[in-house]
Amino acid sequence: MNEGVAERAGRFIDLAEEVLADARAAHERDSRRTSLNRSYYAAFYAVSALLTVRGLHSSKHRGVLSLFDREFVLTGEMSREHGRALHRLFEKRSEADYDIYGSFDSNEVSDALNSASALIADARDVLERLLNG
């Protein structure tokens, strides 16, 4: 494995953890839109770490989601639930960012945080295996 690729992937996964902490802090202060946004981006960065190891990227969010589905979900390396969760997080982030009339309850935000956290944990495990296995 190219050392530069491993470093880039590591930076992405570290960024995912940092942004997840921001999402939790936003949730604690009841900033629901911000928490939804940060939850999605935390998962997005974790997925970007995985794609980096495969030499893949996309300039569009939907492209990243599609590559993740193809490369990791359909192959069974990541669960279908993580694939569904990433798509839900993307939709919720879009609503939170662009729907000025949107309303989000605390349970929705908690679910987003839990989904992002689980995806990151499993992505870290897969990343470790890909880099060292």
N, C-alpha and C. Protein backbone atom coordinates (compact mmCIF):
# COMPACT_ATOMS: atom_id res chain seq x y z
N MET A 1 0.85 -1.18 0.00
CA MET A 1 0.00 0.00 0.00
C MET A 1 0.89 1.24 0.00
N ASN A 2 0.57 2.16 -0.85
CA ASN A 2 1.27 3.44 -0.93
C ASN A 2 1.12 4.20 0.38
N GLU A 3 2.24 4.66 0.93
CA GLU A 3 2.22 5.36 2.22
C GLU A 3 1.37 6.62 2.17
N GLY A 4 1.39 7.33 1.05
CA GLY A 4 0.58 8.54 0.89
C GLY A 4 -0.91 8.24 0.96
N VAL A 5 -1.31 7.12 0.39
CA VAL A 5 -2.71 6.71 0.42
C VAL A 5 -3.12 6.39 1.85
N ALA A 6 -2.28 5.68 2.56
CA ALA A 6 -2.58 5.34 3.96
C ALA A 6 -2.69 6.60 4.81
N GLU A 7 -1.79 7.55 4.59
CA GLU A 7 -1.85 8.81 5.35
C GLU A 7 -3.12 9.58 5.05
N ARG A 8 -3.47 9.67 3.77
CA ARG A 8 -4.69 10.40 3.37
C ARG A 8 -5.93 9.73 3.97
N ALA A 9 -5.99 8.41 3.89
CA ALA A 9 -7.13 7.68 4.46
C ALA A 9 -7.19 7.91 5.97
N GLY A 10 -6.04 7.88 6.63
CA GLY A 10 -6.00 8.12 8.07
C GLY A 10 -6.48 9.51 8.43
N ARG A 11 -6.12 10.47 7.63
CA ARG A 11 -6.58 11.85 7.88
C ARG A 11 -8.10 11.94 7.73
N PHE A 12 -8.64 11.26 6.72
CA PHE A 12 -10.09 11.27 6.53
C PHE A 12 -10.80 10.64 7.74
N ILE A 13 -10.31 9.51 8.22
CA ILE A 13 -10.99 8.84 9.33
C ILE A 13 -10.85 9.67 10.61
N ASP A 14 -9.71 10.32 10.81
CA ASP A 14 -9.55 11.21 11.95
C ASP A 14 -10.50 12.40 11.85
N LEU A 15 -10.67 12.93 10.64
CA LEU A 15 -11.59 14.03 10.43
C LEU A 15 -13.03 13.58 10.71
N ALA A 16 -13.35 12.36 10.34
CA ALA A 16 -14.68 11.83 10.62
C ALA A 16 -14.96 11.85 12.12
N GLU A 17 -13.99 11.42 12.92
CA GLU A 17 -14.15 11.41 14.38
C GLU A 17 -14.29 12.83 14.93
N GLU A 18 -13.49 13.75 14.41
CA GLU A 18 -13.55 15.15 14.85
C GLU A 18 -14.92 15.76 14.55
N VAL A 19 -15.42 15.52 13.36
CA VAL A 19 -16.70 16.08 12.95
C VAL A 19 -17.85 15.41 13.71
N LEU A 20 -17.71 14.12 14.02
CA LEU A 20 -18.72 13.45 14.84
C LEU A 20 -18.78 14.09 16.23
N ALA A 21 -17.65 14.46 16.79
CA ALA A 21 -17.64 15.15 18.08
C ALA A 21 -18.35 16.50 17.96
N ASP A 22 -18.18 17.19 16.84
CA ASP A 22 -18.90 18.44 16.61
C ASP A 22 -20.40 18.19 16.54
N ALA A 23 -20.80 17.09 15.90
CA ALA A 23 -22.22 16.75 15.80
C ALA A 23 -22.81 16.49 17.17
N ARG A 24 -22.06 15.79 18.01
CA ARG A 24 -22.54 15.52 19.38
C ARG A 24 -22.68 16.81 20.18
N ALA A 25 -21.69 17.69 20.05
CA ALA A 25 -21.73 18.97 20.77
C ALA A 25 -22.93 19.81 20.30
N ALA A 26 -23.20 19.80 19.02
CA ALA A 26 -24.35 20.54 18.49
C ALA A 26 -25.65 19.96 19.03
N HIS A 27 -25.70 18.63 19.11
CA HIS A 27 -26.91 17.98 19.64
C HIS A 27 -27.11 18.36 21.11
N GLU A 28 -26.03 18.40 21.87
CA GLU A 28 -26.13 18.75 23.29
C GLU A 28 -26.67 20.16 23.50
N ARG A 29 -26.38 21.06 22.57
CA ARG A 29 -26.89 22.42 22.70
C ARG A 29 -28.18 22.62 21.89
N ASP A 30 -28.76 21.49 21.45
CA ASP A 30 -30.04 21.46 20.74
C ASP A 30 -30.00 22.21 19.40
N SER A 31 -28.84 22.18 18.78
CA SER A 31 -28.69 22.76 17.44
C SER A 31 -28.86 21.61 16.44
N ARG A 32 -30.12 21.29 16.18
CA ARG A 32 -30.47 20.08 15.43
C ARG A 32 -29.99 20.09 13.99
N ARG A 33 -30.16 21.20 13.31
CA ARG A 33 -29.72 21.28 11.92
C ARG A 33 -28.21 21.07 11.81
N THR A 34 -27.50 21.73 12.69
CA THR A 34 -26.05 21.60 12.68
C THR A 34 -25.63 20.17 12.99
N SER A 35 -26.29 19.54 13.95
CA SER A 35 -25.96 18.17 14.30
C SER A 35 -26.23 17.22 13.13
N LEU A 36 -27.33 17.42 12.42
CA LEU A 36 -27.62 16.58 11.26
C LEU A 36 -26.58 16.78 10.17
N ASN A 37 -26.21 18.02 9.93
CA ASN A 37 -25.20 18.32 8.94
C ASN A 37 -23.88 17.65 9.31
N ARG A 38 -23.44 17.82 10.54
CA ARG A 38 -22.16 17.27 10.97
C ARG A 38 -22.19 15.74 11.02
N SER A 39 -23.34 15.15 11.36
CA SER A 39 -23.44 13.68 11.36
C SER A 39 -23.22 13.13 9.96
N TYR A 40 -23.85 13.76 8.98
CA TYR A 40 -23.65 13.31 7.60
C TYR A 40 -22.18 13.44 7.21
N TYR A 41 -21.59 14.61 7.46
CA TYR A 41 -20.22 14.82 7.04
C TYR A 41 -19.25 13.88 7.76
N ALA A 42 -19.53 13.55 8.99
CA ALA A 42 -18.70 12.57 9.70
C ALA A 42 -18.71 11.24 8.95
N ALA A 43 -19.90 10.78 8.58
CA ALA A 43 -20.00 9.52 7.82
C ALA A 43 -19.36 9.67 6.43
N PHE A 44 -19.57 10.80 5.80
CA PHE A 44 -19.00 11.08 4.48
C PHE A 44 -17.48 10.97 4.52
N TYR A 45 -16.85 11.53 5.53
CA TYR A 45 -15.39 11.46 5.63
C TYR A 45 -14.91 10.03 5.88
N ALA A 46 -15.66 9.27 6.66
CA ALA A 46 -15.29 7.87 6.88
C ALA A 46 -15.36 7.08 5.57
N VAL A 47 -16.41 7.31 4.81
CA VAL A 47 -16.56 6.65 3.51
C VAL A 47 -15.46 7.11 2.56
N SER A 48 -15.11 8.39 2.62
CA SER A 48 -14.02 8.91 1.78
C SER A 48 -12.71 8.22 2.10
N ALA A 49 -12.48 7.90 3.38
CA ALA A 49 -11.27 7.16 3.77
C ALA A 49 -11.23 5.81 3.06
N LEU A 50 -12.35 5.11 3.08
CA LEU A 50 -12.42 3.80 2.43
C LEU A 50 -12.19 3.91 0.93
N LEU A 51 -12.83 4.87 0.31
CA LEU A 51 -12.69 5.04 -1.14
C LEU A 51 -11.26 5.41 -1.52
N THR A 52 -10.61 6.18 -0.66
CA THR A 52 -9.22 6.58 -0.91
C THR A 52 -8.32 5.36 -1.05
N VAL A 53 -8.53 4.37 -0.19
CA VAL A 53 -7.71 3.16 -0.24
C VAL A 53 -7.90 2.43 -1.56
N ARG A 54 -9.07 2.55 -2.14
CA ARG A 54 -9.35 1.91 -3.43
C ARG A 54 -8.98 2.80 -4.62
N GLY A 55 -8.45 3.98 -4.32
CA GLY A 55 -8.07 4.90 -5.40
C GLY A 55 -9.26 5.55 -6.06
N LEU A 56 -10.36 5.68 -5.32
CA LEU A 56 -11.60 6.22 -5.88
C LEU A 56 -11.99 7.53 -5.19
N HIS A 57 -12.64 8.39 -5.94
CA HIS A 57 -13.22 9.61 -5.38
C HIS A 57 -14.25 10.14 -6.37
N SER A 58 -15.05 11.04 -5.89
CA SER A 58 -16.03 11.70 -6.75
C SER A 58 -16.16 13.13 -6.26
N SER A 59 -16.38 14.03 -7.20
CA SER A 59 -16.57 15.44 -6.83
C SER A 59 -18.00 15.72 -6.40
N LYS A 60 -18.86 14.74 -6.53
CA LYS A 60 -20.27 14.90 -6.16
C LYS A 60 -20.61 13.95 -5.01
N HIS A 61 -21.46 14.42 -4.10
CA HIS A 61 -21.86 13.60 -2.96
C HIS A 61 -22.56 12.32 -3.41
N ARG A 62 -23.47 12.45 -4.36
CA ARG A 62 -24.17 11.26 -4.84
C ARG A 62 -23.20 10.26 -5.47
N GLY A 63 -22.15 10.76 -6.06
CA GLY A 63 -21.12 9.88 -6.61
C GLY A 63 -20.40 9.11 -5.52
N VAL A 64 -20.11 9.77 -4.41
CA VAL A 64 -19.47 9.11 -3.27
C VAL A 64 -20.40 8.03 -2.73
N LEU A 65 -21.68 8.35 -2.58
CA LEU A 65 -22.64 7.37 -2.08
C LEU A 65 -22.70 6.16 -3.01
N SER A 66 -22.73 6.42 -4.30
CA SER A 66 -22.81 5.34 -5.29
C SER A 66 -21.56 4.47 -5.26
N LEU A 67 -20.40 5.09 -5.17
CA LEU A 67 -19.15 4.33 -5.10
C LEU A 67 -19.10 3.48 -3.82
N PHE A 68 -19.54 4.05 -2.71
CA PHE A 68 -19.56 3.31 -1.45
C PHE A 68 -20.47 2.09 -1.58
N ASP A 69 -21.66 2.31 -2.14
CA ASP A 69 -22.57 1.18 -2.34
C ASP A 69 -21.93 0.09 -3.18
N ARG A 70 -21.35 0.50 -4.30
CA ARG A 70 -20.77 -0.47 -5.23
C ARG A 70 -19.55 -1.19 -4.65
N GLU A 71 -18.66 -0.43 -4.04
CA GLU A 71 -17.37 -0.99 -3.61
C GLU A 71 -17.40 -1.67 -2.25
N PHE A 72 -18.32 -1.24 -1.37
CA PHE A 72 -18.27 -1.76 -0.01
C PHE A 72 -19.56 -2.42 0.46
N VAL A 73 -20.69 -1.89 0.06
CA VAL A 73 -21.96 -2.47 0.53
C VAL A 73 -22.31 -3.71 -0.29
N LEU A 74 -22.31 -3.59 -1.60
CA LEU A 74 -22.68 -4.72 -2.45
C LEU A 74 -21.69 -5.87 -2.35
N THR A 75 -20.46 -5.57 -1.95
CA THR A 75 -19.46 -6.63 -1.78
C THR A 75 -19.53 -7.27 -0.41
N GLY A 76 -20.31 -6.67 0.50
CA GLY A 76 -20.44 -7.21 1.85
C GLY A 76 -19.38 -6.74 2.82
N GLU A 77 -18.47 -5.89 2.38
CA GLU A 77 -17.44 -5.39 3.30
C GLU A 77 -18.02 -4.44 4.35
N MET A 78 -19.09 -3.77 3.99
CA MET A 78 -19.84 -2.93 4.93
C MET A 78 -21.30 -3.36 4.81
N SER A 79 -22.03 -3.25 5.90
CA SER A 79 -23.40 -3.76 5.92
C SER A 79 -24.35 -2.91 5.06
N ARG A 80 -25.41 -3.56 4.64
CA ARG A 80 -26.45 -2.84 3.89
C ARG A 80 -27.05 -1.73 4.75
N GLU A 81 -27.11 -1.97 6.05
CA GLU A 81 -27.64 -0.94 6.95
C GLU A 81 -26.78 0.33 6.88
N HIS A 82 -25.48 0.16 6.78
CA HIS A 82 -24.60 1.34 6.65
C HIS A 82 -24.88 2.06 5.33
N GLY A 83 -25.13 1.31 4.29
CA GLY A 83 -25.48 1.92 3.01
C GLY A 83 -26.77 2.72 3.12
N ARG A 84 -27.78 2.11 3.72
CA ARG A 84 -29.06 2.82 3.90
C ARG A 84 -28.87 4.03 4.82
N ALA A 85 -28.09 3.86 5.86
CA ALA A 85 -27.87 4.96 6.81
C ALA A 85 -27.18 6.14 6.13
N LEU A 86 -26.19 5.87 5.30
CA LEU A 86 -25.50 6.96 4.61
C LEU A 86 -26.46 7.73 3.72
N HIS A 87 -27.33 7.03 3.03
CA HIS A 87 -28.32 7.70 2.17
C HIS A 87 -29.30 8.52 3.01
N ARG A 88 -29.74 7.98 4.15
CA ARG A 88 -30.63 8.73 5.05
C ARG A 88 -29.94 9.98 5.60
N LEU A 89 -28.68 9.81 5.99
CA LEU A 89 -27.93 10.95 6.51
C LEU A 89 -27.80 12.04 5.45
N PHE A 90 -27.55 11.64 4.21
CA PHE A 90 -27.45 12.61 3.12
C PHE A 90 -28.78 13.36 2.94
N GLU A 91 -29.88 12.61 2.96
CA GLU A 91 -31.20 13.25 2.81
C GLU A 91 -31.49 14.20 3.96
N LYS A 92 -31.21 13.77 5.19
CA LYS A 92 -31.47 14.61 6.36
C LYS A 92 -30.58 15.86 6.34
N ARG A 93 -29.33 15.69 5.92
CA ARG A 93 -28.42 16.83 5.82
C ARG A 93 -28.95 17.82 4.80
N SER A 94 -29.43 17.33 3.67
CA SER A 94 -29.98 18.22 2.65
C SER A 94 -31.20 18.97 3.17
N GLU A 95 -32.08 18.26 3.86
CA GLU A 95 -33.26 18.91 4.45
C GLU A 95 -32.83 19.97 5.47
N ALA A 96 -31.90 19.60 6.33
CA ALA A 96 -31.45 20.52 7.38
C ALA A 96 -30.80 21.76 6.78
N ASP A 97 -30.07 21.58 5.69
CA ASP A 97 -29.37 22.71 5.08
C ASP A 97 -30.26 23.58 4.21
N TYR A 98 -31.26 22.99 3.56
CA TYR A 98 -31.98 23.73 2.53
C TYR A 98 -33.47 23.92 2.77
N ASP A 99 -34.09 23.16 3.63
CA ASP A 99 -35.53 23.28 3.88
C ASP A 99 -35.76 24.21 5.07
N ILE A 100 -36.03 25.46 4.77
CA ILE A 100 -36.16 26.44 5.86
C ILE A 100 -37.37 26.17 6.74
N TYR A 101 -38.31 25.37 6.26
CA TYR A 101 -39.50 25.03 7.05
C TYR A 101 -39.36 23.68 7.75
N GLY A 102 -38.25 23.01 7.52
CA GLY A 102 -38.05 21.69 8.11
C GLY A 102 -38.00 21.75 9.63
N SER A 103 -38.50 20.69 10.21
CA SER A 103 -38.49 20.55 11.66
C SER A 103 -37.93 19.17 11.99
N PHE A 104 -37.03 19.12 12.94
CA PHE A 104 -36.34 17.88 13.25
C PHE A 104 -36.44 17.62 14.73
N ASP A 105 -36.92 16.42 15.09
CA ASP A 105 -37.04 16.13 16.52
C ASP A 105 -35.74 15.54 17.04
N SER A 106 -35.63 15.54 18.33
CA SER A 106 -34.41 15.10 19.00
C SER A 106 -34.09 13.64 18.69
N ASN A 107 -35.11 12.81 18.55
CA ASN A 107 -34.88 11.40 18.23
C ASN A 107 -34.24 11.23 16.85
N GLU A 108 -34.68 12.03 15.89
CA GLU A 108 -34.09 12.00 14.55
C GLU A 108 -32.60 12.30 14.61
N VAL A 109 -32.28 13.31 15.40
CA VAL A 109 -30.89 13.74 15.53
C VAL A 109 -30.08 12.65 16.24
N SER A 110 -30.63 12.07 17.28
CA SER A 110 -29.95 10.98 17.98
C SER A 110 -29.72 9.79 17.05
N ASP A 111 -30.72 9.46 16.26
CA ASP A 111 -30.57 8.35 15.30
C ASP A 111 -29.46 8.64 14.29
N ALA A 112 -29.40 9.88 13.82
CA ALA A 112 -28.35 10.26 12.87
C ALA A 112 -26.97 10.11 13.51
N LEU A 113 -26.85 10.59 14.73
CA LEU A 113 -25.57 10.46 15.45
C LEU A 113 -25.17 9.00 15.63
N ASN A 114 -26.12 8.18 16.03
CA ASN A 114 -25.84 6.76 16.24
C ASN A 114 -25.45 6.07 14.93
N SER A 115 -26.15 6.40 13.86
CA SER A 115 -25.83 5.82 12.55
C SER A 115 -24.43 6.21 12.10
N ALA A 116 -24.12 7.50 12.23
CA ALA A 116 -22.79 7.97 11.82
C ALA A 116 -21.71 7.33 12.67
N SER A 117 -21.94 7.24 13.96
CA SER A 117 -20.96 6.64 14.87
C SER A 117 -20.69 5.18 14.53
N ALA A 118 -21.74 4.42 14.28
CA ALA A 118 -21.59 3.01 13.94
C ALA A 118 -20.88 2.84 12.59
N LEU A 119 -21.23 3.67 11.63
CA LEU A 119 -20.60 3.59 10.32
C LEU A 119 -19.10 3.89 10.45
N ILE A 120 -18.76 4.91 11.22
CA ILE A 120 -17.35 5.27 11.39
C ILE A 120 -16.58 4.14 12.07
N ALA A 121 -17.15 3.56 13.10
CA ALA A 121 -16.47 2.47 13.81
C ALA A 121 -16.20 1.30 12.87
N ASP A 122 -17.19 0.92 12.07
CA ASP A 122 -17.00 -0.20 11.15
C ASP A 122 -16.05 0.17 10.01
N ALA A 123 -16.13 1.42 9.55
CA ALA A 123 -15.21 1.87 8.50
C ALA A 123 -13.78 1.85 9.00
N ARG A 124 -13.58 2.22 10.25
CA ARG A 124 -12.23 2.17 10.84
C ARG A 124 -11.70 0.73 10.84
N ASP A 125 -12.56 -0.22 11.18
CA ASP A 125 -12.16 -1.64 11.18
C ASP A 125 -11.81 -2.12 9.77
N VAL A 126 -12.65 -1.78 8.80
CA VAL A 126 -12.40 -2.19 7.41
C VAL A 126 -11.12 -1.52 6.91
N LEU A 127 -10.96 -0.27 7.24
CA LEU A 127 -9.77 0.47 6.82
C LEU A 127 -8.50 -0.19 7.39
N GLU A 128 -8.55 -0.54 8.64
CA GLU A 128 -7.42 -1.22 9.28
C GLU A 128 -7.07 -2.52 8.54
N ARG A 129 -8.09 -3.27 8.20
CA ARG A 129 -7.87 -4.53 7.49
C ARG A 129 -7.29 -4.27 6.09
N LEU A 130 -7.83 -3.28 5.40
CA LEU A 130 -7.34 -2.98 4.05
C LEU A 130 -5.91 -2.48 4.05
N LEU A 131 -5.57 -1.70 5.05
CA LEU A 131 -4.23 -1.12 5.11
C LEU A 131 -3.18 -2.11 5.62
N ASN A 132 -3.62 -3.03 6.48
CA ASN A 132 -2.64 -3.93 7.11
C ASN A 132 -2.81 -5.40 6.72
N GLY A 133 -3.84 -5.68 5.97
CA GLY A 133 -4.12 -7.09 5.67
C GLY A 133 -3.74 -7.46 4.32
